Full PDB file with SEQRES, HELIX, SHEET, SSBOND, CRYST1, ORIGX, SCALE, CONECT and MASTER records, all heavy atoms in Angstrom:
SEQRES   1 A   38  ASP VAL ILE GLN ARG SER LEU GLN ASP ARG GLY ALA LEU          
SEQRES   2 A   38  ILE LYS VAL ARG ASP MET ASN GLU ALA CYS VAL ILE ALA          
SEQRES   3 A   38  ASN ASP ILE ALA PRO GLU HIS LEU GLU VAL SER ALA              
HELIX    1 AA1 VAL A    2  ARG A   10  1                                   9    
HELIX    2 AA2 MET A   19  ILE A   29  1                                  11    
CRYST1    1.000    1.000    1.000  90.00  90.00  90.00 P 1           1          
ORIGX1      1.000000  0.000000  0.000000        0.00000                         
ORIGX2      0.000000  1.000000  0.000000        0.00000                         
ORIGX3      0.000000  0.000000  1.000000        0.00000                         
SCALE1      1.000000  0.000000  0.000000        0.00000                         
SCALE2      0.000000  1.000000  0.000000        0.00000                         
SCALE3      0.000000  0.000000  1.000000        0.00000                         
ATOM      1  N   ASP A   1    -112.942 168.271  18.782  1.00  0.00           N  
ATOM      2  CA  ASP A   1    -113.351 167.234  19.727  1.00  0.00           C  
ATOM      3  C   ASP A   1    -114.114 166.123  19.014  1.00  0.00           C  
ATOM      4  O   ASP A   1    -113.925 164.937  19.308  1.00  0.00           O  
ATOM      5  CB  ASP A   1    -114.224 167.851  20.829  1.00  0.00           C  
ATOM      6  CG  ASP A   1    -113.426 168.767  21.753  1.00  0.00           C  
ATOM      7  OD1 ASP A   1    -112.190 168.619  21.797  1.00  0.00           O  
ATOM      8  OD2 ASP A   1    -114.040 169.634  22.408  1.00  0.00           O  
ATOM      9  N   VAL A   2    -114.978 166.505  18.064  1.00  0.00           N  
ATOM     10  CA  VAL A   2    -115.714 165.520  17.275  1.00  0.00           C  
ATOM     11  C   VAL A   2    -114.738 164.714  16.419  1.00  0.00           C  
ATOM     12  O   VAL A   2    -114.836 163.483  16.318  1.00  0.00           O  
ATOM     13  CB  VAL A   2    -116.762 166.212  16.379  1.00  0.00           C  
ATOM     14  CG1 VAL A   2    -117.403 165.215  15.413  1.00  0.00           C  
ATOM     15  CG2 VAL A   2    -117.831 166.880  17.233  1.00  0.00           C  
ATOM     16  N   ILE A   3    -113.796 165.414  15.787  1.00  0.00           N  
ATOM     17  CA  ILE A   3    -112.812 164.756  14.928  1.00  0.00           C  
ATOM     18  C   ILE A   3    -111.985 163.749  15.720  1.00  0.00           C  
ATOM     19  O   ILE A   3    -111.761 162.618  15.277  1.00  0.00           O  
ATOM     20  CB  ILE A   3    -111.893 165.803  14.265  1.00  0.00           C  
ATOM     21  CG1 ILE A   3    -112.697 166.664  13.282  1.00  0.00           C  
ATOM     22  CG2 ILE A   3    -110.729 165.122  13.552  1.00  0.00           C  
ATOM     23  CD1 ILE A   3    -111.922 167.846  12.734  1.00  0.00           C  
ATOM     24  N   GLN A   4    -111.531 164.166  16.897  1.00  0.00           N  
ATOM     25  CA  GLN A   4    -110.704 163.280  17.719  1.00  0.00           C  
ATOM     26  C   GLN A   4    -111.456 161.998  18.074  1.00  0.00           C  
ATOM     27  O   GLN A   4    -110.918 160.894  17.942  1.00  0.00           O  
ATOM     28  CB  GLN A   4    -110.272 163.987  18.995  1.00  0.00           C  
ATOM     29  CG  GLN A   4    -109.370 163.121  19.888  1.00  0.00           C  
ATOM     30  CD  GLN A   4    -108.941 163.838  21.149  1.00  0.00           C  
ATOM     31  OE1 GLN A   4    -109.617 164.753  21.619  1.00  0.00           O  
ATOM     32  NE2 GLN A   4    -107.816 163.444  21.717  1.00  0.00           N  
ATOM     33  N   ARG A   5    -112.698 162.147  18.489  1.00  0.00           N  
ATOM     34  CA  ARG A   5    -113.484 160.972  18.877  1.00  0.00           C  
ATOM     35  C   ARG A   5    -113.706 160.054  17.672  1.00  0.00           C  
ATOM     36  O   ARG A   5    -113.597 158.823  17.772  1.00  0.00           O  
ATOM     37  CB  ARG A   5    -114.822 161.434  19.447  1.00  0.00           C  
ATOM     38  CG  ARG A   5    -115.750 160.309  19.872  1.00  0.00           C  
ATOM     39  CD  ARG A   5    -115.262 159.606  21.115  1.00  0.00           C  
ATOM     40  NE  ARG A   5    -116.188 158.548  21.487  1.00  0.00           N  
ATOM     41  CZ  ARG A   5    -117.277 158.718  22.248  1.00  0.00           C  
ATOM     42  NH1 ARG A   5    -117.567 159.940  22.707  1.00  0.00           N  
ATOM     43  NH2 ARG A   5    -118.047 157.709  22.556  1.00  0.00           N  
ATOM     44  N   SER A   6    -114.019 160.644  16.524  1.00  0.00           N  
ATOM     45  CA  SER A   6    -114.256 159.861  15.313  1.00  0.00           C  
ATOM     46  C   SER A   6    -113.019 159.068  14.912  1.00  0.00           C  
ATOM     47  O   SER A   6    -113.099 157.861  14.643  1.00  0.00           O  
ATOM     48  CB  SER A   6    -114.674 160.792  14.169  1.00  0.00           C  
ATOM     49  OG  SER A   6    -114.655 160.120  12.929  1.00  0.00           O  
ATOM     50  N   LEU A   7    -111.879 159.729  14.855  1.00  0.00           N  
ATOM     51  CA  LEU A   7    -110.656 159.064  14.410  1.00  0.00           C  
ATOM     52  C   LEU A   7    -110.183 158.011  15.408  1.00  0.00           C  
ATOM     53  O   LEU A   7    -109.676 156.955  15.018  1.00  0.00           O  
ATOM     54  CB  LEU A   7    -109.560 160.094  14.166  1.00  0.00           C  
ATOM     55  CG  LEU A   7    -109.774 161.026  12.966  1.00  0.00           C  
ATOM     56  CD1 LEU A   7    -108.640 162.036  12.864  1.00  0.00           C  
ATOM     57  CD2 LEU A   7    -109.880 160.235  11.666  1.00  0.00           C  
ATOM     58  N   GLN A   8    -110.334 158.282  16.696  1.00  0.00           N  
ATOM     59  CA  GLN A   8    -109.886 157.321  17.702  1.00  0.00           C  
ATOM     60  C   GLN A   8    -110.796 156.098  17.765  1.00  0.00           C  
ATOM     61  O   GLN A   8    -110.318 154.973  17.933  1.00  0.00           O  
ATOM     62  CB  GLN A   8    -109.806 157.984  19.077  1.00  0.00           C  
ATOM     63  CG  GLN A   8    -108.656 158.967  19.189  1.00  0.00           C  
ATOM     64  CD  GLN A   8    -108.481 159.542  20.583  1.00  0.00           C  
ATOM     65  OE1 GLN A   8    -107.470 160.184  20.887  1.00  0.00           O  
ATOM     66  NE2 GLN A   8    -109.459 159.348  21.442  1.00  0.00           N  
ATOM     67  N   ASP A   9    -112.097 156.307  17.586  1.00  0.00           N  
ATOM     68  CA  ASP A   9    -113.030 155.190  17.713  1.00  0.00           C  
ATOM     69  C   ASP A   9    -113.192 154.400  16.422  1.00  0.00           C  
ATOM     70  O   ASP A   9    -113.356 153.179  16.446  1.00  0.00           O  
ATOM     71  CB  ASP A   9    -114.404 155.703  18.157  1.00  0.00           C  
ATOM     72  CG  ASP A   9    -114.407 156.185  19.600  1.00  0.00           C  
ATOM     73  OD1 ASP A   9    -113.381 156.023  20.288  1.00  0.00           O  
ATOM     74  OD2 ASP A   9    -115.444 156.732  20.030  1.00  0.00           O  
ATOM     75  N   ARG A  10    -113.151 155.093  15.259  1.00  0.00           N  
ATOM     76  CA  ARG A  10    -113.511 154.421  14.020  1.00  0.00           C  
ATOM     77  C   ARG A  10    -112.510 154.641  12.874  1.00  0.00           C  
ATOM     78  O   ARG A  10    -112.711 154.139  11.774  1.00  0.00           O  
ATOM     79  CB  ARG A  10    -114.901 154.857  13.560  1.00  0.00           C  
ATOM     80  CG  ARG A  10    -115.995 154.661  14.608  1.00  0.00           C  
ATOM     81  CD  ARG A  10    -117.355 154.482  13.985  1.00  0.00           C  
ATOM     82  NE  ARG A  10    -117.456 153.261  13.224  1.00  0.00           N  
ATOM     83  CZ  ARG A  10    -117.944 153.193  11.986  1.00  0.00           C  
ATOM     84  NH1 ARG A  10    -118.354 154.292  11.367  1.00  0.00           N  
ATOM     85  NH2 ARG A  10    -118.023 152.042  11.358  1.00  0.00           N  
ATOM     86  N   GLY A  11    -111.451 155.391  13.135  1.00  0.00           N  
ATOM     87  CA  GLY A  11    -110.464 155.632  12.096  1.00  0.00           C  
ATOM     88  C   GLY A  11    -109.373 154.574  12.083  1.00  0.00           C  
ATOM     89  O   GLY A  11    -109.214 153.810  13.028  1.00  0.00           O  
ATOM     90  N   ALA A  12    -108.590 154.535  10.976  1.00  0.00           N  
ATOM     91  CA  ALA A  12    -107.490 153.576  10.896  1.00  0.00           C  
ATOM     92  C   ALA A  12    -106.498 153.993   9.821  1.00  0.00           C  
ATOM     93  O   ALA A  12    -106.883 154.539   8.781  1.00  0.00           O  
ATOM     94  CB  ALA A  12    -108.010 152.172  10.604  1.00  0.00           C  
ATOM     95  N   LEU A  13    -105.228 153.734  10.094  1.00  0.00           N  
ATOM     96  CA  LEU A  13    -104.144 153.904   9.120  1.00  0.00           C  
ATOM     97  C   LEU A  13    -103.618 152.496   8.844  1.00  0.00           C  
ATOM     98  O   LEU A  13    -103.077 151.849   9.748  1.00  0.00           O  
ATOM     99  CB  LEU A  13    -103.044 154.794   9.687  1.00  0.00           C  
ATOM    100  CG  LEU A  13    -103.473 156.202  10.117  1.00  0.00           C  
ATOM    101  CD1 LEU A  13    -102.352 156.896  10.878  1.00  0.00           C  
ATOM    102  CD2 LEU A  13    -103.885 157.019   8.902  1.00  0.00           C  
ATOM    103  N   ILE A  14    -103.795 152.018   7.627  1.00  0.00           N  
ATOM    104  CA  ILE A  14    -103.525 150.613   7.334  1.00  0.00           C  
ATOM    105  C   ILE A  14    -102.385 150.476   6.339  1.00  0.00           C  
ATOM    106  O   ILE A  14    -102.450 150.989   5.212  1.00  0.00           O  
ATOM    107  CB  ILE A  14    -104.782 149.921   6.781  1.00  0.00           C  
ATOM    108  CG1 ILE A  14    -105.936 150.033   7.786  1.00  0.00           C  
ATOM    109  CG2 ILE A  14    -104.491 148.453   6.459  1.00  0.00           C  
ATOM    110  CD1 ILE A  14    -107.249 149.457   7.275  1.00  0.00           C  
ATOM    111  N   LYS A  15    -101.353 149.771   6.742  1.00  0.00           N  
ATOM    112  CA  LYS A  15    -100.222 149.444   5.868  1.00  0.00           C  
ATOM    113  C   LYS A  15    -100.574 148.185   5.079  1.00  0.00           C  
ATOM    114  O   LYS A  15    -100.924 147.144   5.656  1.00  0.00           O  
ATOM    115  CB  LYS A  15     -98.974 149.194   6.721  1.00  0.00           C  
ATOM    116  CG  LYS A  15     -97.809 148.503   6.019  1.00  0.00           C  
ATOM    117  CD  LYS A  15     -97.145 149.378   5.008  1.00  0.00           C  
ATOM    118  CE  LYS A  15     -95.833 148.756   4.540  1.00  0.00           C  
ATOM    119  NZ  LYS A  15     -95.981 147.419   3.926  1.00  0.00           N  
ATOM    120  N   VAL A  16    -100.521 148.296   3.744  1.00  0.00           N  
ATOM    121  CA  VAL A  16    -100.818 147.151   2.885  1.00  0.00           C  
ATOM    122  C   VAL A  16     -99.549 146.728   2.139  1.00  0.00           C  
ATOM    123  O   VAL A  16     -98.576 147.480   2.075  1.00  0.00           O  
ATOM    124  CB  VAL A  16    -101.940 147.496   1.867  1.00  0.00           C  
ATOM    125  CG1 VAL A  16    -103.252 147.745   2.581  1.00  0.00           C  
ATOM    126  CG2 VAL A  16    -101.554 148.707   1.019  1.00  0.00           C  
ATOM    127  N   ARG A  17     -99.588 145.537   1.565  1.00  0.00           N  
ATOM    128  CA  ARG A  17     -98.424 145.026   0.841  1.00  0.00           C  
ATOM    129  C   ARG A  17     -98.165 145.838  -0.428  1.00  0.00           C  
ATOM    130  O   ARG A  17     -97.023 146.153  -0.757  1.00  0.00           O  
ATOM    131  CB  ARG A  17     -98.621 143.558   0.489  1.00  0.00           C  
ATOM    132  CG  ARG A  17     -98.683 142.639   1.707  1.00  0.00           C  
ATOM    133  CD  ARG A  17     -98.911 141.184   1.276  1.00  0.00           C  
ATOM    134  NE  ARG A  17     -98.918 140.262   2.402  1.00  0.00           N  
ATOM    135  CZ  ARG A  17     -99.983 139.973   3.126  1.00  0.00           C  
ATOM    136  NH1 ARG A  17    -101.143 140.535   2.823  1.00  0.00           N  
ATOM    137  NH2 ARG A  17     -99.907 139.127   4.137  1.00  0.00           N  
ATOM    138  N   ASP A  18     -99.242 146.143  -1.147  1.00  0.00           N  
ATOM    139  CA  ASP A  18     -99.117 146.910  -2.379  1.00  0.00           C  
ATOM    140  C   ASP A  18    -100.495 147.472  -2.738  1.00  0.00           C  
ATOM    141  O   ASP A  18    -101.490 147.201  -2.057  1.00  0.00           O  
ATOM    142  CB  ASP A  18     -98.563 146.044  -3.523  1.00  0.00           C  
ATOM    143  CG  ASP A  18     -99.326 144.734  -3.692  1.00  0.00           C  
ATOM    144  OD1 ASP A  18    -100.566 144.751  -3.574  1.00  0.00           O  
ATOM    145  OD2 ASP A  18     -98.679 143.699  -3.944  1.00  0.00           O  
ATOM    146  N   MET A  19    -100.566 148.225  -3.829  1.00  0.00           N  
ATOM    147  CA  MET A  19    -101.819 148.853  -4.220  1.00  0.00           C  
ATOM    148  C   MET A  19    -102.846 147.826  -4.702  1.00  0.00           C  
ATOM    149  O   MET A  19    -104.052 148.042  -4.595  1.00  0.00           O  
ATOM    150  CB  MET A  19    -101.570 149.911  -5.293  1.00  0.00           C  
ATOM    151  CG  MET A  19    -100.872 151.167  -4.766  1.00  0.00           C  
ATOM    152  SD  MET A  19    -101.912 152.138  -3.646  1.00  0.00           S  
ATOM    153  CE  MET A  19    -103.054 152.904  -4.809  1.00  0.00           C  
ATOM    154  N   ASN A  20    -102.383 146.724  -5.241  1.00  0.00           N  
ATOM    155  CA  ASN A  20    -103.321 145.668  -5.632  1.00  0.00           C  
ATOM    156  C   ASN A  20    -104.091 145.152  -4.422  1.00  0.00           C  
ATOM    157  O   ASN A  20    -105.312 144.977  -4.467  1.00  0.00           O  
ATOM    158  CB  ASN A  20    -102.583 144.511  -6.311  1.00  0.00           C  
ATOM    159  CG  ASN A  20    -102.212 144.822  -7.747  1.00  0.00           C  
ATOM    160  OD1 ASN A  20    -103.070 145.139  -8.557  1.00  0.00           O  
ATOM    161  ND2 ASN A  20    -100.927 144.747  -8.054  1.00  0.00           N  
ATOM    162  N   GLU A  21    -103.374 144.925  -3.338  1.00  0.00           N  
ATOM    163  CA  GLU A  21    -104.040 144.463  -2.119  1.00  0.00           C  
ATOM    164  C   GLU A  21    -104.945 145.559  -1.562  1.00  0.00           C  
ATOM    165  O   GLU A  21    -106.025 145.273  -1.028  1.00  0.00           O  
ATOM    166  CB  GLU A  21    -103.017 144.055  -1.063  1.00  0.00           C  
ATOM    167  CG  GLU A  21    -103.693 143.462   0.176  1.00  0.00           C  
ATOM    168  CD  GLU A  21    -102.711 143.112   1.284  1.00  0.00           C  
ATOM    169  OE1 GLU A  21    -101.827 143.942   1.579  1.00  0.00           O  
ATOM    170  OE2 GLU A  21    -102.847 142.023   1.870  1.00  0.00           O  
ATOM    171  N   ALA A  22    -104.527 146.805  -1.705  1.00  0.00           N  
ATOM    172  CA  ALA A  22    -105.358 147.915  -1.241  1.00  0.00           C  
ATOM    173  C   ALA A  22    -106.716 147.888  -1.939  1.00  0.00           C  
ATOM    174  O   ALA A  22    -107.757 148.129  -1.318  1.00  0.00           O  
ATOM    175  CB  ALA A  22    -104.656 149.245  -1.500  1.00  0.00           C  
ATOM    176  N   CYS A  23    -106.721 147.572  -3.219  1.00  0.00           N  
ATOM    177  CA  CYS A  23    -107.976 147.512  -3.978  1.00  0.00           C  
ATOM    178  C   CYS A  23    -108.853 146.353  -3.504  1.00  0.00           C  
ATOM    179  O   CYS A  23    -110.082 146.484  -3.430  1.00  0.00           O  
ATOM    180  CB  CYS A  23    -107.690 147.378  -5.465  1.00  0.00           C  
ATOM    181  SG  CYS A  23    -106.917 148.835  -6.205  1.00  0.00           S  
ATOM    182  N   VAL A  24    -108.232 145.228  -3.179  1.00  0.00           N  
ATOM    183  CA  VAL A  24    -108.982 144.079  -2.674  1.00  0.00           C  
ATOM    184  C   VAL A  24    -109.664 144.435  -1.357  1.00  0.00           C  
ATOM    185  O   VAL A  24    -110.854 144.150  -1.146  1.00  0.00           O  
ATOM    186  CB  VAL A  24    -108.052 142.861  -2.484  1.00  0.00           C  
ATOM    187  CG1 VAL A  24    -108.800 141.724  -1.767  1.00  0.00           C  
ATOM    188  CG2 VAL A  24    -107.513 142.385  -3.821  1.00  0.00           C  
ATOM    189  N   ILE A  25    -108.920 145.072  -0.464  1.00  0.00           N  
ATOM    190  CA  ILE A  25    -109.478 145.470   0.833  1.00  0.00           C  
ATOM    191  C   ILE A  25    -110.561 146.530   0.654  1.00  0.00           C  
ATOM    192  O   ILE A  25    -111.595 146.504   1.325  1.00  0.00           O  
ATOM    193  CB  ILE A  25    -108.355 145.993   1.757  1.00  0.00           C  
ATOM    194  CG1 ILE A  25    -107.373 144.856   2.075  1.00  0.00           C  
ATOM    195  CG2 ILE A  25    -108.935 146.567   3.046  1.00  0.00           C  
ATOM    196  CD1 ILE A  25    -106.125 145.303   2.808  1.00  0.00           C  
ATOM    197  N   ALA A  26    -110.333 147.451  -0.286  1.00  0.00           N  
ATOM    198  CA  ALA A  26    -111.323 148.499  -0.545  1.00  0.00           C  
ATOM    199  C   ALA A  26    -112.650 147.903  -0.995  1.00  0.00           C  
ATOM    200  O   ALA A  26    -113.724 148.348  -0.572  1.00  0.00           O  
ATOM    201  CB  ALA A  26    -110.798 149.470  -1.599  1.00  0.00           C  
ATOM    202  N   ASN A  27    -112.587 146.887  -1.851  1.00  0.00           N  
ATOM    203  CA  ASN A  27    -113.817 146.241  -2.309  1.00  0.00           C  
ATOM    204  C   ASN A  27    -114.544 145.543  -1.170  1.00  0.00           C  
ATOM    205  O   ASN A  27    -115.776 145.467  -1.163  1.00  0.00           O  
ATOM    206  CB  ASN A  27    -113.513 145.249  -3.425  1.00  0.00           C  
ATOM    207  CG  ASN A  27    -113.269 145.927  -4.758  1.00  0.00           C  
ATOM    208  OD1 ASN A  27    -113.933 146.893  -5.097  1.00  0.00           O  
ATOM    209  ND2 ASN A  27    -112.296 145.430  -5.516  1.00  0.00           N  
ATOM    210  N   ASP A  28    -113.816 145.049  -0.218  1.00  0.00           N  
ATOM    211  CA  ASP A  28    -114.434 144.410   0.941  1.00  0.00           C  
ATOM    212  C   ASP A  28    -115.103 145.452   1.837  1.00  0.00           C  
ATOM    213  O   ASP A  28    -116.194 145.227   2.363  1.00  0.00           O  
ATOM    214  CB  ASP A  28    -113.384 143.627   1.734  1.00  0.00           C  
ATOM    215  CG  ASP A  28    -113.988 142.896   2.914  1.00  0.00           C  
ATOM    216  OD1 ASP A  28    -114.953 142.136   2.710  1.00  0.00           O  
ATOM    217  OD2 ASP A  28    -113.516 143.086   4.051  1.00  0.00           O  
ATOM    218  N   ILE A  29    -114.463 146.609   1.981  1.00  0.00           N  
ATOM    219  CA  ILE A  29    -115.019 147.677   2.814  1.00  0.00           C  
ATOM    220  C   ILE A  29    -116.221 148.323   2.130  1.00  0.00           C  
ATOM    221  O   ILE A  29    -117.181 148.717   2.783  1.00  0.00           O  
ATOM    222  CB  ILE A  29    -113.937 148.734   3.123  1.00  0.00           C  
ATOM    223  CG1 ILE A  29    -112.829 148.112   3.997  1.00  0.00           C  
ATOM    224  CG2 ILE A  29    -114.527 149.965   3.800  1.00  0.00           C  
ATOM    225  CD1 ILE A  29    -111.637 149.020   4.223  1.00  0.00           C  
ATOM    226  N   ALA A  30    -116.179 148.443   0.795  1.00  0.00           N  
ATOM    227  CA  ALA A  30    -117.273 149.049   0.009  1.00  0.00           C  
ATOM    228  C   ALA A  30    -117.676 150.401   0.591  1.00  0.00           C  
ATOM    229  O   ALA A  30    -118.810 150.583   1.031  1.00  0.00           O  
ATOM    230  CB  ALA A  30    -118.470 148.106  -0.061  1.00  0.00           C  
ATOM    231  N   PRO A  31    -116.772 151.373   0.561  1.00  0.00           N  
ATOM    232  CA  PRO A  31    -117.018 152.639   1.257  1.00  0.00           C  
ATOM    233  C   PRO A  31    -117.994 153.563   0.526  1.00  0.00           C  
ATOM    234  O   PRO A  31    -118.243 153.413  -0.681  1.00  0.00           O  
ATOM    235  CB  PRO A  31    -115.629 153.270   1.288  1.00  0.00           C  
ATOM    236  CG  PRO A  31    -114.996 152.794   0.019  1.00  0.00           C  
ATOM    237  CD  PRO A  31    -115.479 151.368  -0.137  1.00  0.00           C  
ATOM    238  N   GLU A  32    -118.502 154.511   1.272  1.00  0.00           N  
ATOM    239  CA  GLU A  32    -119.345 155.561   0.694  1.00  0.00           C  
ATOM    240  C   GLU A  32    -118.513 156.415  -0.266  1.00  0.00           C  
ATOM    241  O   GLU A  32    -118.882 156.617  -1.419  1.00  0.00           O  
ATOM    242  CB  GLU A  32    -119.913 156.415   1.815  1.00  0.00           C  
ATOM    243  CG  GLU A  32    -120.754 157.590   1.334  1.00  0.00           C  
ATOM    244  CD  GLU A  32    -121.151 158.515   2.464  1.00  0.00           C  
ATOM    245  OE1 GLU A  32    -120.514 158.483   3.541  1.00  0.00           O  
ATOM    246  OE2 GLU A  32    -122.098 159.307   2.268  1.00  0.00           O  
ATOM    247  N   HIS A  33    -117.396 156.951   0.217  1.00  0.00           N  
ATOM    248  CA  HIS A  33    -116.482 157.759  -0.596  1.00  0.00           C  
ATOM    249  C   HIS A  33    -115.141 157.045  -0.700  1.00  0.00           C  
ATOM    250  O   HIS A  33    -114.579 156.637   0.317  1.00  0.00           O  
ATOM    251  CB  HIS A  33    -116.232 159.137   0.044  1.00  0.00           C  
ATOM    252  CG  HIS A  33    -117.483 159.903   0.360  1.00  0.00           C  
ATOM    253  ND1 HIS A  33    -117.983 159.995   1.654  1.00  0.00           N  
ATOM    254  CD2 HIS A  33    -118.310 160.611  -0.428  1.00  0.00           C  
ATOM    255  CE1 HIS A  33    -119.076 160.737   1.634  1.00  0.00           C  
ATOM    256  NE2 HIS A  33    -119.305 161.123   0.394  1.00  0.00           N  
ATOM    257  N   LEU A  34    -114.630 156.911  -1.916  1.00  0.00           N  
ATOM    258  CA  LEU A  34    -113.325 156.279  -2.124  1.00  0.00           C  
ATOM    259  C   LEU A  34    -112.432 157.215  -2.925  1.00  0.00           C  
ATOM    260  O   LEU A  34    -112.735 157.542  -4.079  1.00  0.00           O  
ATOM    261  CB  LEU A  34    -113.484 154.954  -2.880  1.00  0.00           C  
ATOM    262  CG  LEU A  34    -112.191 154.262  -3.299  1.00  0.00           C  
ATOM    263  CD1 LEU A  34    -111.399 153.825  -2.073  1.00  0.00           C  
ATOM    264  CD2 LEU A  34    -112.477 153.067  -4.192  1.00  0.00           C  
ATOM    265  N   GLU A  35    -111.355 157.669  -2.303  1.00  0.00           N  
ATOM    266  CA  GLU A  35    -110.370 158.488  -3.009  1.00  0.00           C  
ATOM    267  C   GLU A  35    -109.220 157.602  -3.474  1.00  0.00           C  
ATOM    268  O   GLU A  35    -108.645 156.854  -2.681  1.00  0.00           O  
ATOM    269  CB  GLU A  35    -109.810 159.588  -2.095  1.00  0.00           C  
ATOM    270  CG  GLU A  35    -110.776 160.721  -1.820  1.00  0.00           C  
ATOM    271  CD  GLU A  35    -110.117 161.877  -1.075  1.00  0.00           C  
ATOM    272  OE1 GLU A  35    -108.889 161.816  -0.817  1.00  0.00           O  
ATOM    273  OE2 GLU A  35    -110.817 162.844  -0.746  1.00  0.00           O  
ATOM    274  N   VAL A  36    -108.901 157.687  -4.760  1.00  0.00           N  
ATOM    275  CA  VAL A  36    -107.726 156.998  -5.302  1.00  0.00           C  
ATOM    276  C   VAL A  36    -106.690 158.074  -5.576  1.00  0.00           C  
ATOM    277  O   VAL A  36    -106.660 158.695  -6.632  1.00  0.00           O  
ATOM    278  CB  VAL A  36    -108.061 156.215  -6.586  1.00  0.00           C  
ATOM    279  CG1 VAL A  36    -106.837 155.437  -7.057  1.00  0.00           C  
ATOM    280  CG2 VAL A  36    -109.229 155.269  -6.347  1.00  0.00           C  
ATOM    281  N   SER A  37    -105.856 158.322  -4.578  1.00  0.00           N  
ATOM    282  CA  SER A  37    -104.878 159.396  -4.638  1.00  0.00           C  
ATOM    283  C   SER A  37    -103.532 158.800  -5.028  1.00  0.00           C  
ATOM    284  O   SER A  37    -102.738 158.394  -4.177  1.00  0.00           O  
ATOM    285  CB  SER A  37    -104.799 160.103  -3.274  1.00  0.00           C  
ATOM    286  OG  SER A  37    -104.057 161.288  -3.344  1.00  0.00           O  
ATOM    287  N   ALA A  38    -103.303 158.751  -6.341  1.00  0.00           N  
ATOM    288  CA  ALA A  38    -102.134 158.041  -6.845  1.00  0.00           C  
ATOM    289  C   ALA A  38    -101.694 158.635  -8.178  1.00  0.00           C  
ATOM    290  O   ALA A  38    -102.422 159.391  -8.812  1.00  0.00           O  
ATOM    291  CB  ALA A  38    -102.453 156.562  -7.009  1.00  0.00           C  
TER     292      ALA A  38                                                      
MASTER        0    0    0    2    0    0    0    6  291    1    0    3          
END                                                                             
């Protein structure tokens, strides 16, 4: 129930043009944890 609320309110699946753009967006978000799964 906690997971569902978290993902629906604050989660996102984002399609980017390429990995270069993904890095640009990541720098803007400046996250606590960043996984580079590649």
